[in-house]
Amino acid sequence: MFIKFQSTKQTTAAGTLVDYIMSLALGTLLISAVCAFSFHSSRSFATFFNMVDADQANSRTINQMVRDLRMVNVVTNFSSTSVAMLDLNNNVLRYSYDSTAGTLKRVSGTRTNTMLRNLARFSFEFGQRNFTNGTFDFVPTTNTWECKAITAKWVSTRSLFGAKTEDMPQELTVVIRN
């Protein structure tokens, strides 16, 4: 003998208004957290890419300048923003800074390369081979035939999301071998 009881009440499958509001609030909170994380990550990646790009440009410039300046025969002309030299093959080699464009250019023969862009400041300093008394600074010179040490100093700027920032200052000192 089996007795079967049937309920006269029907079960409801719908939620209440409170359930819907809580679901909506939790969904909104989750979506806003994902959006905030995404926004912060994209800003971080853009900043990181900008810094890597600046570091690579500085490294390429330093490597090229060391190669060039170590092996020149003679410095023929210089100022605080440019230097002209004769390389080992007696070809003219020139580095010049354009303050209006914010670029450093390398001219060798007929080939012109832009080494650095977005420069805030750039300057050359020239010295003799010997040091000043009590320091490791080179004795400054104004004569091309005495110039045996060249120092280049620069600061790059980067623009990210409308804000301009300056990179770390770079300084390179090279002693001419010849």
C-alpha atoms as a PDB file:
ATOM      1  CA  MET A   1       0.000   0.000   0.000  1.00  0.00           C
ATOM      2  CA  PHE A   2       1.303   3.314  -1.094  1.00  0.00           C
ATOM      3  CA  ILE A   3       0.015   6.628   0.062  1.00  0.00           C
ATOM      4  CA  LYS A   4       0.748   9.599  -2.147  1.00  0.00           C
ATOM      5  CA  PHE A   5       0.417  13.070  -0.773  1.00  0.00           C
ATOM      6  CA  GLN A   6       0.007  15.938  -3.147  1.00  0.00           C
ATOM      7  CA  SER A   7       0.502  19.510  -2.147  1.00  0.00           C
ATOM      8  CA  THR A   8      -2.094  21.950  -3.198  1.00  0.00           C
ATOM      9  CA  LYS A   9       0.461  24.813  -3.234  1.00  0.00           C
ATOM     10  CA  GLN A  10       2.389  25.419  -6.406  1.00  0.00           C
ATOM     11  CA  THR A  11       6.111  26.270  -6.188  1.00  0.00           C
ATOM     12  CA  THR A  12       7.209  29.609  -7.552  1.00  0.00           C
ATOM     13  CA  ALA A  13      10.278  29.905  -9.761  1.00  0.00           C
ATOM     14  CA  ALA A  14      10.586  33.672  -9.722  1.00  0.00           C
ATOM     15  CA  GLY A  15      12.858  35.788  -7.549  1.00  0.00           C
ATOM     16  CA  THR A  16      11.914  38.727  -5.462  1.00  0.00           C
ATOM     17  CA  LEU A  17      12.762  42.354  -6.154  1.00  0.00           C
ATOM     18  CA  VAL A  18      15.423  42.280  -3.435  1.00  0.00           C
ATOM     19  CA  ASP A  19      17.161  39.370  -5.210  1.00  0.00           C
ATOM     20  CA  TYR A  20      17.260  41.319  -8.470  1.00  0.00           C
ATOM     21  CA  ILE A  21      18.612  44.470  -6.819  1.00  0.00           C
ATOM     22  CA  MET A  22      21.340  42.522  -5.004  1.00  0.00           C
ATOM     23  CA  SER A  23      22.342  40.749  -8.240  1.00  0.00           C
ATOM     24  CA  LEU A  24      22.447  44.045 -10.073  1.00  0.00           C
ATOM     25  CA  ALA A  25      24.575  45.634  -7.326  1.00  0.00           C
ATOM     26  CA  LEU A  26      27.046  42.745  -7.274  1.00  0.00           C
ATOM     27  CA  GLY A  27      27.268  42.698 -11.079  1.00  0.00           C
ATOM     28  CA  THR A  28      27.894  46.459 -11.189  1.00  0.00           C
ATOM     29  CA  LEU A  29      30.570  46.149  -8.515  1.00  0.00           C
ATOM     30  CA  LEU A  30      32.280  43.334 -10.399  1.00  0.00           C
ATOM     31  CA  ILE A  31      32.203  45.186 -13.731  1.00  0.00           C
ATOM     32  CA  SER A  32      33.520  48.413 -12.177  1.00  0.00           C
ATOM     33  CA  ALA A  33      36.373  46.477 -10.526  1.00  0.00           C
ATOM     34  CA  VAL A  34      37.325  44.891 -13.862  1.00  0.00           C
ATOM     35  CA  CYS A  35      37.166  48.291 -15.606  1.00  0.00           C
ATOM     36  CA  ALA A  36      39.331  49.943 -12.934  1.00  0.00           C
ATOM     37  CA  PHE A  37      41.887  47.146 -13.155  1.00  0.00           C
ATOM     38  CA  SER A  38      41.897  47.359 -16.960  1.00  0.00           C
ATOM     39  CA  PHE A  39      42.342  51.151 -16.912  1.00  0.00           C
ATOM     40  CA  HIS A  40      45.170  50.977 -14.387  1.00  0.00           C
ATOM     41  CA  SER A  41      46.887  48.164 -16.311  1.00  0.00           C
ATOM     42  CA  SER A  42      46.712  50.020 -19.623  1.00  0.00           C
ATOM     43  CA  ARG A  43      48.236  53.146 -18.043  1.00  0.00           C
ATOM     44  CA  SER A  44      50.984  51.048 -16.471  1.00  0.00           C
ATOM     45  CA  PHE A  45      51.775  49.284 -19.749  1.00  0.00           C
ATOM     46  CA  ALA A  46      51.858  52.602 -21.629  1.00  0.00           C
ATOM     47  CA  THR A  47      54.212  54.106 -19.036  1.00  0.00           C
ATOM     48  CA  PHE A  48      56.417  51.022 -19.116  1.00  0.00           C
ATOM     49  CA  PHE A  49      56.562  51.059 -22.931  1.00  0.00           C
ATOM     50  CA  ASN A  50      57.474  54.752 -22.875  1.00  0.00           C
ATOM     51  CA  MET A  51      60.306  54.139 -20.416  1.00  0.00           C
ATOM     52  CA  VAL A  52      61.658  51.174 -22.395  1.00  0.00           C
ATOM     53  CA  ASP A  53      61.557  53.210 -25.602  1.00  0.00           C
ATOM     54  CA  ALA A  54      63.506  56.067 -23.986  1.00  0.00           C
ATOM     55  CA  ASP A  55      66.035  53.653 -22.475  1.00  0.00           C
ATOM     56  CA  GLN A  56      66.644  51.956 -25.827  1.00  0.00           C
ATOM     57  CA  ALA A  57      67.150  55.299 -27.580  1.00  0.00           C
ATOM     58  CA  ASN A  58      69.613  56.407 -24.896  1.00  0.00           C
ATOM     59  CA  SER A  59      71.522  53.108 -25.126  1.00  0.00           C
ATOM     60  CA  ARG A  60      71.760  53.251 -28.919  1.00  0.00           C
ATOM     61  CA  THR A  61      72.976  56.842 -28.765  1.00  0.00           C
ATOM     62  CA  ILE A  62      75.562  56.120 -26.078  1.00  0.00           C
ATOM     63  CA  ASN A  63      76.907  53.102 -28.000  1.00  0.00           C
ATOM     64  CA  GLN A  64      77.142  55.027 -31.273  1.00  0.00           C
ATOM     65  CA  MET A  65      78.767  58.078 -29.688  1.00  0.00           C
ATOM     66  CA  VAL A  66      81.363  55.993 -27.847  1.00  0.00           C
ATOM     67  CA  ARG A  67      82.254  54.153 -31.071  1.00  0.00           C
ATOM     68  CA  ASP A  68      82.516  57.409 -33.016  1.00  0.00           C
ATOM     69  CA  LEU A  69      84.254  59.618 -30.477  1.00  0.00           C
ATOM     70  CA  ARG A  70      86.877  57.075 -29.399  1.00  0.00           C
ATOM     71  CA  MET A  71      88.126  56.642 -32.964  1.00  0.00           C
ATOM     72  CA  VAL A  72      88.245  60.178 -34.417  1.00  0.00           C
ATOM     73  CA  ASN A  73      91.472  61.648 -35.734  1.00  0.00           C
ATOM     74  CA  VAL A  74      90.845  65.225 -34.729  1.00  0.00           C
ATOM     75  CA  VAL A  75      88.089  67.561 -33.566  1.00  0.00           C
ATOM     76  CA  THR A  76      87.728  70.308 -36.169  1.00  0.00           C
ATOM     77  CA  ASN A  77      85.014  72.501 -34.658  1.00  0.00           C
ATOM     78  CA  PHE A  78      82.839  72.514 -31.562  1.00  0.00           C
ATOM     79  CA  SER A  79      80.291  74.476 -29.602  1.00  0.00           C
ATOM     80  CA  SER A  80      77.991  73.685 -26.709  1.00  0.00           C
ATOM     81  CA  THR A  81      75.408  72.214 -29.114  1.00  0.00           C
ATOM     82  CA  SER A  82      77.522  70.620 -31.861  1.00  0.00           C
ATOM     83  CA  VAL A  83      80.829  68.951 -32.587  1.00  0.00           C
ATOM     84  CA  ALA A  84      82.509  68.282 -35.947  1.00  0.00           C
ATOM     85  CA  MET A  85      85.338  65.770 -36.312  1.00  0.00           C
ATOM     86  CA  LEU A  86      87.363  63.827 -38.859  1.00  0.00           C
ATOM     87  CA  ASP A  87      87.057  60.067 -38.477  1.00  0.00           C
ATOM     88  CA  LEU A  88      89.783  57.502 -39.232  1.00  0.00           C
ATOM     89  CA  ASN A  89      89.078  57.746 -42.995  1.00  0.00           C
ATOM     90  CA  ASN A  90      89.197  61.586 -42.843  1.00  0.00           C
ATOM     91  CA  ASN A  91      85.449  61.832 -43.437  1.00  0.00           C
ATOM     92  CA  VAL A  92      83.542  64.574 -41.668  1.00  0.00           C
ATOM     93  CA  LEU A  93      81.461  63.342 -38.741  1.00  0.00           C
ATOM     94  CA  ARG A  94      79.164  65.768 -36.963  1.00  0.00           C
ATOM     95  CA  TYR A  95      76.755  65.637 -34.023  1.00  0.00           C
ATOM     96  CA  SER A  96      74.394  68.576 -33.667  1.00  0.00           C
ATOM     97  CA  TYR A  97      71.533  69.438 -31.345  1.00  0.00           C
ATOM     98  CA  ASP A  98      68.512  71.317 -32.692  1.00  0.00           C
ATOM     99  CA  SER A  99      66.808  72.986 -29.737  1.00  0.00           C
ATOM    100  CA  THR A 100      63.650  73.975 -31.650  1.00  0.00           C
ATOM    101  CA  ALA A 101      63.008  70.407 -32.850  1.00  0.00           C
ATOM    102  CA  GLY A 102      64.474  68.823 -29.701  1.00  0.00           C
ATOM    103  CA  THR A 103      66.603  66.364 -31.695  1.00  0.00           C
ATOM    104  CA  LEU A 104      70.214  65.196 -31.786  1.00  0.00           C
ATOM    105  CA  LYS A 105      71.423  64.375 -35.290  1.00  0.00           C
ATOM    106  CA  ARG A 106      74.472  62.462 -36.454  1.00  0.00           C
ATOM    107  CA  VAL A 107      75.794  63.391 -39.902  1.00  0.00           C
ATOM    108  CA  SER A 108      78.416  61.164 -41.488  1.00  0.00           C
ATOM    109  CA  GLY A 109      79.145  61.943 -45.128  1.00  0.00           C
ATOM    110  CA  THR A 110      75.747  62.171 -46.838  1.00  0.00           C
ATOM    111  CA  ARG A 111      73.902  60.061 -44.249  1.00  0.00           C
ATOM    112  CA  THR A 112      71.915  61.820 -41.512  1.00  0.00           C
ATOM    113  CA  ASN A 113      70.500  59.889 -38.542  1.00  0.00           C
ATOM    114  CA  THR A 114      68.297  61.267 -35.808  1.00  0.00           C
ATOM    115  CA  MET A 115      69.774  59.743 -32.666  1.00  0.00           C
ATOM    116  CA  LEU A 116      67.485  61.262 -30.010  1.00  0.00           C
ATOM    117  CA  ARG A 117      64.070  62.915 -30.106  1.00  0.00           C
ATOM    118  CA  ASN A 118      62.058  64.883 -27.534  1.00  0.00           C
ATOM    119  CA  LEU A 119      65.093  66.415 -25.861  1.00  0.00           C
ATOM    120  CA  ALA A 120      64.494  69.049 -23.202  1.00  0.00           C
ATOM    121  CA  ARG A 121      68.198  69.919 -22.892  1.00  0.00           C
ATOM    122  CA  PHE A 122      71.442  68.857 -24.522  1.00  0.00           C
ATOM    123  CA  SER A 123      74.982  70.178 -24.238  1.00  0.00           C
ATOM    124  CA  PHE A 124      78.550  69.259 -25.084  1.00  0.00           C
ATOM    125  CA  GLU A 125      81.556  70.056 -22.889  1.00  0.00           C
ATOM    126  CA  PHE A 126      85.139  69.747 -24.080  1.00  0.00           C
ATOM    127  CA  GLY A 127      88.298  69.130 -22.099  1.00  0.00           C
ATOM    128  CA  GLN A 128      91.947  68.272 -22.250  1.00  0.00           C
ATOM    129  CA  ARG A 129      93.203  64.796 -21.486  1.00  0.00           C
ATOM    130  CA  ASN A 130      94.511  65.654 -18.004  1.00  0.00           C
ATOM    131  CA  PHE A 131      92.439  66.168 -14.834  1.00  0.00           C
ATOM    132  CA  THR A 132      92.082  69.292 -12.737  1.00  0.00           C
ATOM    133  CA  ASN A 133      93.802  69.332  -9.348  1.00  0.00           C
ATOM    134  CA  GLY A 134      92.084  67.223  -6.696  1.00  0.00           C
ATOM    135  CA  THR A 135      89.121  66.153  -8.874  1.00  0.00           C
ATOM    136  CA  PHE A 136      88.402  63.760 -11.667  1.00  0.00           C
ATOM    137  CA  ASP A 137      87.088  66.529 -13.946  1.00  0.00           C
ATOM    138  CA  PHE A 138      88.882  67.275 -17.184  1.00  0.00           C
ATOM    139  CA  VAL A 139      90.528  70.670 -17.664  1.00  0.00           C
ATOM    140  CA  PRO A 140      88.123  72.642 -19.898  1.00  0.00           C
ATOM    141  CA  THR A 141      89.425  73.761 -23.273  1.00  0.00           C
ATOM    142  CA  THR A 142      88.344  76.163 -25.988  1.00  0.00           C
ATOM    143  CA  ASN A 143      90.936  75.036 -28.560  1.00  0.00           C
ATOM    144  CA  THR A 144      90.163  72.258 -30.994  1.00  0.00           C
ATOM    145  CA  TRP A 145      93.754  70.967 -31.015  1.00  0.00           C
ATOM    146  CA  GLU A 146      93.674  70.510 -27.188  1.00  0.00           C
ATOM    147  CA  CYS A 147      90.299  68.713 -27.177  1.00  0.00           C
ATOM    148  CA  LYS A 148      90.763  65.123 -26.027  1.00  0.00           C
ATOM    149  CA  ALA A 149      87.681  64.572 -23.832  1.00  0.00           C
ATOM    150  CA  ILE A 150      84.073  65.176 -24.847  1.00  0.00           C
ATOM    151  CA  THR A 151      81.164  65.125 -22.409  1.00  0.00           C
ATOM    152  CA  ALA A 152      77.557  65.028 -23.610  1.00  0.00           C
ATOM    153  CA  LYS A 153      74.680  65.725 -21.198  1.00  0.00           C
ATOM    154  CA  TRP A 154      70.998  65.447 -22.025  1.00  0.00           C
ATOM    155  CA  VAL A 155      67.500  65.089 -20.649  1.00  0.00           C
ATOM    156  CA  SER A 156      64.614  63.645 -22.673  1.00  0.00           C
ATOM    157  CA  THR A 157      60.953  64.433 -22.189  1.00  0.00           C
ATOM    158  CA  ARG A 158      58.030  62.086 -22.646  1.00  0.00           C
ATOM    159  CA  SER A 159      54.380  62.911 -23.035  1.00  0.00           C
ATOM    160  CA  LEU A 160      51.875  60.420 -21.655  1.00  0.00           C
ATOM    161  CA  PHE A 161      48.149  61.095 -21.442  1.00  0.00           C
ATOM    162  CA  GLY A 162      48.757  64.823 -21.803  1.00  0.00           C
ATOM    163  CA  ALA A 163      51.344  65.053 -19.009  1.00  0.00           C
ATOM    164  CA  LYS A 164      54.948  65.835 -19.928  1.00  0.00           C
ATOM    165  CA  THR A 165      57.655  64.245 -17.798  1.00  0.00           C
ATOM    166  CA  GLU A 166      61.440  64.390 -17.908  1.00  0.00           C
ATOM    167  CA  ASP A 167      63.535  61.226 -17.923  1.00  0.00           C
ATOM    168  CA  MET A 168      66.615  60.743 -15.806  1.00  0.00           C
ATOM    169  CA  PRO A 169      69.544  62.936 -16.921  1.00  0.00           C
ATOM    170  CA  GLN A 170      72.111  61.133 -19.058  1.00  0.00           C
ATOM    171  CA  GLU A 171      75.816  61.943 -19.110  1.00  0.00           C
ATOM    172  CA  LEU A 172      78.525  60.459 -21.313  1.00  0.00           C
ATOM    173  CA  THR A 173      82.244  61.291 -21.202  1.00  0.00           C
ATOM    174  CA  VAL A 174      84.539  59.881 -23.869  1.00  0.00           C
ATOM    175  CA  VAL A 175      88.304  60.299 -24.133  1.00  0.00           C
ATOM    176  CA  ILE A 176      89.585  60.417 -27.711  1.00  0.00           C
ATOM    177  CA  ARG A 177      92.268  57.777 -28.332  1.00  0.00           C
ATOM    178  CA  ASN A 178      94.313  59.610 -30.988  1.00  0.00           C
END
